[in-house]
């Protein structure tokens, strides 16, 4: 399963900012990037750890995007056919950024059901 595409599509529907899986050449001021941080899946259950990096105009804006992204995944877990849980592992401010722009990182563990 394409975990990253799955999360990108869910967040794109819920957030009013671009959501990408690769860094765009001309990164917008506000955006969210999704990446695979790890995978604790086994033969019975899919458990990807997803990194959600959020850039904002201000520190508060970036933090708000990160919280909104996590909340969107947790809300989706309530009624999505495949997503049954979205557990926030960590939410942290990224201290160093080459652009000096505010950035937050959320790590979320998902539980994804399959019909396979």
N, C-alpha and C. Protein backbone atom coordinates (compact mmCIF):
# COMPACT_ATOMS: atom_id res chain seq x y z
N UNK A 1 0.85 -1.19 0.00
CA UNK A 1 0.00 0.00 0.00
C UNK A 1 0.88 1.24 0.00
N UNK A 2 0.45 2.25 -0.72
CA UNK A 2 1.16 3.52 -0.78
C UNK A 2 0.70 4.39 0.39
N UNK A 3 1.37 4.23 1.55
CA UNK A 3 1.00 4.98 2.76
C UNK A 3 1.06 6.48 2.54
N UNK A 4 2.13 6.91 1.89
CA UNK A 4 2.35 8.34 1.72
C UNK A 4 1.27 8.97 0.83
N UNK A 5 0.96 8.31 -0.27
CA UNK A 5 -0.10 8.80 -1.14
C UNK A 5 -1.45 8.82 -0.44
N UNK A 6 -1.70 7.80 0.36
CA UNK A 6 -2.93 7.69 1.13
C UNK A 6 -3.08 8.89 2.08
N UNK A 7 -2.03 9.19 2.84
CA UNK A 7 -2.07 10.31 3.78
C UNK A 7 -2.12 11.64 3.03
N UNK A 8 -1.33 11.77 1.97
CA UNK A 8 -1.36 13.01 1.17
C UNK A 8 -2.78 13.30 0.69
N UNK A 9 -3.46 12.28 0.17
CA UNK A 9 -4.81 12.49 -0.34
C UNK A 9 -5.78 12.89 0.77
N UNK A 10 -5.68 12.23 1.92
CA UNK A 10 -6.55 12.59 3.04
C UNK A 10 -6.33 14.03 3.49
N UNK A 11 -5.05 14.41 3.65
CA UNK A 11 -4.75 15.77 4.12
C UNK A 11 -5.07 16.83 3.07
N UNK A 12 -4.90 16.50 1.81
CA UNK A 12 -5.21 17.46 0.74
C UNK A 12 -6.68 17.84 0.75
N UNK A 13 -7.53 16.90 1.12
CA UNK A 13 -8.96 17.18 1.18
C UNK A 13 -9.33 18.06 2.37
N UNK A 14 -8.53 18.01 3.43
CA UNK A 14 -8.89 18.68 4.68
C UNK A 14 -8.16 19.99 4.95
N UNK A 15 -6.97 20.16 4.41
CA UNK A 15 -6.17 21.35 4.70
C UNK A 15 -6.21 22.34 3.55
N UNK A 16 -6.16 23.60 3.88
CA UNK A 16 -6.23 24.66 2.86
C UNK A 16 -4.84 25.11 2.42
N UNK A 17 -3.90 24.16 2.38
CA UNK A 17 -2.53 24.44 1.94
C UNK A 17 -2.09 23.29 1.05
N UNK A 18 -1.06 23.51 0.22
CA UNK A 18 -0.55 22.40 -0.58
C UNK A 18 0.01 21.29 0.32
N UNK A 19 -0.25 20.04 -0.06
CA UNK A 19 0.29 18.88 0.63
C UNK A 19 1.10 18.10 -0.39
N UNK A 20 2.38 17.87 -0.09
CA UNK A 20 3.28 17.25 -1.05
C UNK A 20 4.00 16.06 -0.44
N UNK A 21 4.55 15.23 -1.32
CA UNK A 21 5.38 14.12 -0.87
C UNK A 21 6.84 14.36 -1.24
N UNK A 22 7.09 15.33 -2.07
CA UNK A 22 8.44 15.76 -2.44
C UNK A 22 8.51 17.27 -2.31
N UNK A 23 9.69 17.76 -1.99
CA UNK A 23 9.86 19.20 -1.84
C UNK A 23 9.74 19.87 -3.22
N UNK A 24 8.77 20.78 -3.37
CA UNK A 24 8.66 21.50 -4.64
C UNK A 24 9.85 22.43 -4.85
N UNK A 25 10.18 22.66 -6.10
CA UNK A 25 11.31 23.54 -6.43
C UNK A 25 11.11 24.92 -5.82
N UNK A 26 9.92 25.45 -5.97
CA UNK A 26 9.58 26.76 -5.38
C UNK A 26 8.59 26.51 -4.25
N UNK A 27 9.12 26.20 -3.06
CA UNK A 27 8.28 25.86 -1.93
C UNK A 27 7.44 27.06 -1.51
N UNK A 28 6.12 26.85 -1.38
CA UNK A 28 5.28 27.95 -0.90
C UNK A 28 5.57 28.26 0.57
N UNK A 29 5.15 29.42 1.01
CA UNK A 29 5.36 29.84 2.40
C UNK A 29 4.66 28.90 3.37
N UNK A 30 3.45 28.49 3.02
CA UNK A 30 2.68 27.56 3.85
C UNK A 30 2.51 26.26 3.08
N UNK A 31 2.91 25.17 3.70
CA UNK A 31 2.71 23.88 3.05
C UNK A 31 2.91 22.75 4.06
N UNK A 32 2.53 21.55 3.65
CA UNK A 32 2.70 20.34 4.44
C UNK A 32 3.37 19.31 3.57
N UNK A 33 4.36 18.63 4.14
CA UNK A 33 5.04 17.55 3.42
C UNK A 33 4.88 16.26 4.22
N UNK A 34 4.58 15.18 3.52
CA UNK A 34 4.33 13.88 4.13
C UNK A 34 5.44 12.91 3.72
N UNK A 35 5.95 12.15 4.70
CA UNK A 35 7.01 11.18 4.42
C UNK A 35 6.84 9.99 5.35
N UNK A 36 7.42 8.87 4.97
CA UNK A 36 7.39 7.67 5.80
C UNK A 36 8.56 7.72 6.77
N UNK A 37 8.26 7.71 8.06
CA UNK A 37 9.27 7.78 9.11
C UNK A 37 9.72 6.38 9.52
N UNK A 38 8.82 5.43 9.45
CA UNK A 38 9.12 4.06 9.83
C UNK A 38 7.91 3.19 9.58
N UNK A 39 8.07 1.90 9.80
CA UNK A 39 6.98 0.98 9.52
C UNK A 39 7.05 -0.18 10.48
N UNK A 40 6.06 -0.30 11.36
CA UNK A 40 6.01 -1.38 12.33
C UNK A 40 4.95 -2.42 11.92
N UNK A 41 4.68 -2.50 10.63
CA UNK A 41 3.68 -3.44 10.13
C UNK A 41 4.16 -4.88 10.32
N UNK A 42 3.18 -5.77 10.43
CA UNK A 42 3.51 -7.19 10.45
C UNK A 42 2.54 -7.90 9.50
N UNK A 43 2.48 -9.19 9.55
CA UNK A 43 1.65 -9.91 8.58
C UNK A 43 0.15 -9.71 8.83
N UNK A 44 -0.22 -9.17 9.98
CA UNK A 44 -1.63 -9.03 10.32
C UNK A 44 -2.15 -7.60 10.27
N UNK A 45 -1.27 -6.62 10.44
CA UNK A 45 -1.73 -5.23 10.55
C UNK A 45 -0.69 -4.28 9.96
N UNK A 46 -1.18 -3.22 9.31
CA UNK A 46 -0.30 -2.20 8.74
C UNK A 46 -0.17 -1.06 9.74
N UNK A 47 1.07 -0.73 10.12
CA UNK A 47 1.33 0.31 11.13
C UNK A 47 2.44 1.25 10.69
N UNK A 48 2.20 2.06 9.67
CA UNK A 48 3.24 3.00 9.27
C UNK A 48 3.35 4.17 10.23
N UNK A 49 4.59 4.66 10.40
CA UNK A 49 4.84 5.90 11.14
C UNK A 49 5.06 6.99 10.10
N UNK A 50 4.22 8.01 10.16
CA UNK A 50 4.22 9.06 9.15
C UNK A 50 4.79 10.35 9.74
N UNK A 51 5.71 10.96 9.01
CA UNK A 51 6.26 12.27 9.38
C UNK A 51 5.49 13.33 8.59
N UNK A 52 4.97 14.30 9.32
CA UNK A 52 4.24 15.41 8.70
C UNK A 52 4.98 16.70 9.06
N UNK A 53 5.63 17.29 8.07
CA UNK A 53 6.38 18.53 8.28
C UNK A 53 5.54 19.69 7.77
N UNK A 54 5.36 20.71 8.63
CA UNK A 54 4.48 21.83 8.31
C UNK A 54 5.24 23.14 8.37
N UNK A 55 5.17 23.91 7.30
CA UNK A 55 5.76 25.24 7.24
C UNK A 55 4.65 26.27 7.33
N UNK A 56 4.91 27.36 8.03
CA UNK A 56 3.92 28.42 8.15
C UNK A 56 4.57 29.80 8.10
N UNK A 57 3.74 30.81 8.01
CA UNK A 57 4.23 32.19 7.97
C UNK A 57 4.86 32.59 9.30
N UNK A 58 4.30 32.04 10.38
CA UNK A 58 4.80 32.32 11.73
C UNK A 58 4.91 30.99 12.46
N UNK A 59 5.53 31.03 13.62
CA UNK A 59 5.63 29.84 14.45
C UNK A 59 4.24 29.31 14.81
N UNK A 60 3.36 30.22 15.17
CA UNK A 60 2.00 29.83 15.52
C UNK A 60 1.26 29.22 14.34
N UNK A 61 1.46 29.75 13.16
CA UNK A 61 0.82 29.24 11.94
C UNK A 61 1.31 27.82 11.64
N UNK A 62 2.61 27.59 11.72
CA UNK A 62 3.17 26.26 11.46
C UNK A 62 2.66 25.25 12.48
N UNK A 63 2.61 25.66 13.74
CA UNK A 63 2.08 24.79 14.79
C UNK A 63 0.61 24.46 14.52
N UNK A 64 -0.16 25.45 14.13
CA UNK A 64 -1.58 25.25 13.82
C UNK A 64 -1.78 24.27 12.67
N UNK A 65 -0.94 24.37 11.65
CA UNK A 65 -1.03 23.43 10.53
C UNK A 65 -0.74 22.00 11.00
N UNK A 66 0.26 21.85 11.83
CA UNK A 66 0.61 20.51 12.33
C UNK A 66 -0.53 19.93 13.16
N UNK A 67 -1.11 20.73 14.04
CA UNK A 67 -2.23 20.26 14.85
C UNK A 67 -3.42 19.91 13.97
N UNK A 68 -3.69 20.74 12.97
CA UNK A 68 -4.81 20.48 12.05
C UNK A 68 -4.60 19.20 11.25
N UNK A 69 -3.36 18.96 10.83
CA UNK A 69 -3.06 17.74 10.07
C UNK A 69 -3.28 16.50 10.92
N UNK A 70 -2.80 16.53 12.15
CA UNK A 70 -2.99 15.39 13.05
C UNK A 70 -4.48 15.19 13.33
N UNK A 71 -5.19 16.28 13.59
CA UNK A 71 -6.63 16.18 13.86
C UNK A 71 -7.38 15.62 12.66
N UNK A 72 -6.99 16.01 11.45
CA UNK A 72 -7.64 15.50 10.25
C UNK A 72 -7.47 13.99 10.14
N UNK A 73 -6.29 13.48 10.47
CA UNK A 73 -6.07 12.03 10.43
C UNK A 73 -6.86 11.33 11.53
N UNK A 74 -6.90 11.91 12.71
CA UNK A 74 -7.66 11.30 13.81
C UNK A 74 -9.16 11.31 13.50
N UNK A 75 -9.65 12.37 12.90
CA UNK A 75 -11.07 12.42 12.50
C UNK A 75 -11.37 11.38 11.42
N UNK A 76 -10.46 11.24 10.46
CA UNK A 76 -10.65 10.26 9.38
C UNK A 76 -10.70 8.84 9.95
N UNK A 77 -9.95 8.59 11.01
CA UNK A 77 -9.92 7.24 11.60
C UNK A 77 -11.28 6.85 12.18
N UNK A 78 -12.15 7.82 12.43
CA UNK A 78 -13.47 7.52 12.99
C UNK A 78 -14.44 6.93 11.98
N UNK A 79 -14.24 7.24 10.68
CA UNK A 79 -15.22 6.75 9.70
C UNK A 79 -14.63 6.31 8.36
N UNK A 80 -13.33 6.26 8.24
CA UNK A 80 -12.71 5.83 6.98
C UNK A 80 -12.75 4.31 6.87
N UNK A 81 -12.92 3.80 5.67
CA UNK A 81 -12.99 2.35 5.45
C UNK A 81 -11.71 1.63 5.84
N UNK A 82 -10.56 2.26 5.66
CA UNK A 82 -9.28 1.59 5.90
C UNK A 82 -8.52 2.09 7.12
N UNK A 83 -8.64 3.36 7.42
CA UNK A 83 -7.89 3.93 8.54
C UNK A 83 -8.67 3.74 9.84
N UNK A 84 -8.07 3.02 10.81
CA UNK A 84 -8.80 2.79 12.06
C UNK A 84 -8.19 3.49 13.26
N UNK A 85 -6.96 4.02 13.13
CA UNK A 85 -6.36 4.77 14.24
C UNK A 85 -5.26 5.68 13.72
N UNK A 86 -5.09 6.80 14.41
CA UNK A 86 -4.02 7.75 14.11
C UNK A 86 -3.55 8.30 15.45
N UNK A 87 -2.43 7.79 15.92
CA UNK A 87 -1.92 8.14 17.25
C UNK A 87 -0.72 9.08 17.12
N UNK A 88 -0.83 10.27 17.68
CA UNK A 88 0.28 11.21 17.68
C UNK A 88 1.39 10.68 18.59
N UNK A 89 2.58 10.53 18.04
CA UNK A 89 3.73 10.11 18.85
C UNK A 89 4.49 11.31 19.37
N UNK A 90 4.71 12.29 18.51
CA UNK A 90 5.44 13.48 18.93
C UNK A 90 5.08 14.66 18.02
N UNK A 91 5.11 15.83 18.62
CA UNK A 91 4.92 17.08 17.89
C UNK A 91 6.01 18.02 18.38
N UNK A 92 6.88 18.44 17.47
CA UNK A 92 8.00 19.25 17.91
C UNK A 92 8.28 20.38 16.93
N UNK A 93 8.84 21.44 17.48
CA UNK A 93 9.26 22.58 16.67
C UNK A 93 10.64 22.26 16.11
N UNK A 94 10.79 22.46 14.83
CA UNK A 94 12.07 22.26 14.18
C UNK A 94 12.88 23.53 14.37
N UNK A 95 13.92 23.45 15.16
CA UNK A 95 14.71 24.63 15.51
C UNK A 95 15.52 25.18 14.36
N UNK A 96 16.00 24.30 13.49
CA UNK A 96 16.88 24.76 12.43
C UNK A 96 16.17 24.66 11.09
N UNK A 97 16.19 25.73 10.35
CA UNK A 97 15.63 25.74 9.01
C UNK A 97 16.50 26.65 8.16
N UNK A 98 16.92 26.15 7.02
CA UNK A 98 17.80 26.95 6.15
C UNK A 98 17.16 28.27 5.75
N UNK A 99 15.84 28.27 5.65
CA UNK A 99 15.15 29.49 5.24
C UNK A 99 14.83 30.39 6.43
N UNK A 100 15.02 29.87 7.64
CA UNK A 100 14.67 30.63 8.83
C UNK A 100 13.17 30.66 9.08
N UNK A 101 12.43 29.91 8.30
CA UNK A 101 10.99 29.91 8.40
C UNK A 101 10.52 28.92 9.47
N UNK A 102 9.40 29.20 10.09
CA UNK A 102 8.85 28.35 11.14
C UNK A 102 8.44 26.99 10.56
N UNK A 103 8.76 25.94 11.34
CA UNK A 103 8.49 24.58 10.87
C UNK A 103 8.23 23.68 12.07
N UNK A 104 7.19 22.85 11.95
CA UNK A 104 6.86 21.87 12.98
C UNK A 104 6.83 20.48 12.35
N UNK A 105 7.16 19.49 13.17
CA UNK A 105 7.17 18.10 12.72
C UNK A 105 6.28 17.28 13.64
N UNK A 106 5.33 16.57 13.06
CA UNK A 106 4.48 15.64 13.80
C UNK A 106 4.77 14.23 13.30
N UNK A 107 4.93 13.30 14.23
CA UNK A 107 5.09 11.89 13.89
C UNK A 107 3.80 11.20 14.35
N UNK A 108 3.14 10.52 13.42
CA UNK A 108 1.86 9.88 13.71
C UNK A 108 1.94 8.41 13.31
N UNK A 109 1.53 7.54 14.22
CA UNK A 109 1.44 6.12 13.88
C UNK A 109 0.01 5.83 13.46
N UNK A 110 -0.13 5.23 12.29
CA UNK A 110 -1.45 4.88 11.76
C UNK A 110 -1.68 3.38 11.90
N UNK A 111 -2.93 3.01 12.00
CA UNK A 111 -3.33 1.62 11.90
C UNK A 111 -4.26 1.55 10.69
N UNK A 112 -3.82 0.79 9.69
CA UNK A 112 -4.56 0.71 8.43
C UNK A 112 -5.04 -0.73 8.23
N UNK A 113 -6.32 -0.87 7.97
CA UNK A 113 -6.91 -2.18 7.70
C UNK A 113 -6.89 -2.42 6.20
N UNK A 114 -6.70 -3.63 5.83
CA UNK A 114 -6.76 -3.97 4.40
C UNK A 114 -7.78 -5.08 4.21
N UNK A 115 -8.22 -5.21 3.00
CA UNK A 115 -9.16 -6.29 2.69
C UNK A 115 -8.45 -7.44 1.98
N UNK A 116 -7.14 -7.43 2.06
CA UNK A 116 -6.34 -8.47 1.40
C UNK A 116 -6.29 -9.72 2.24
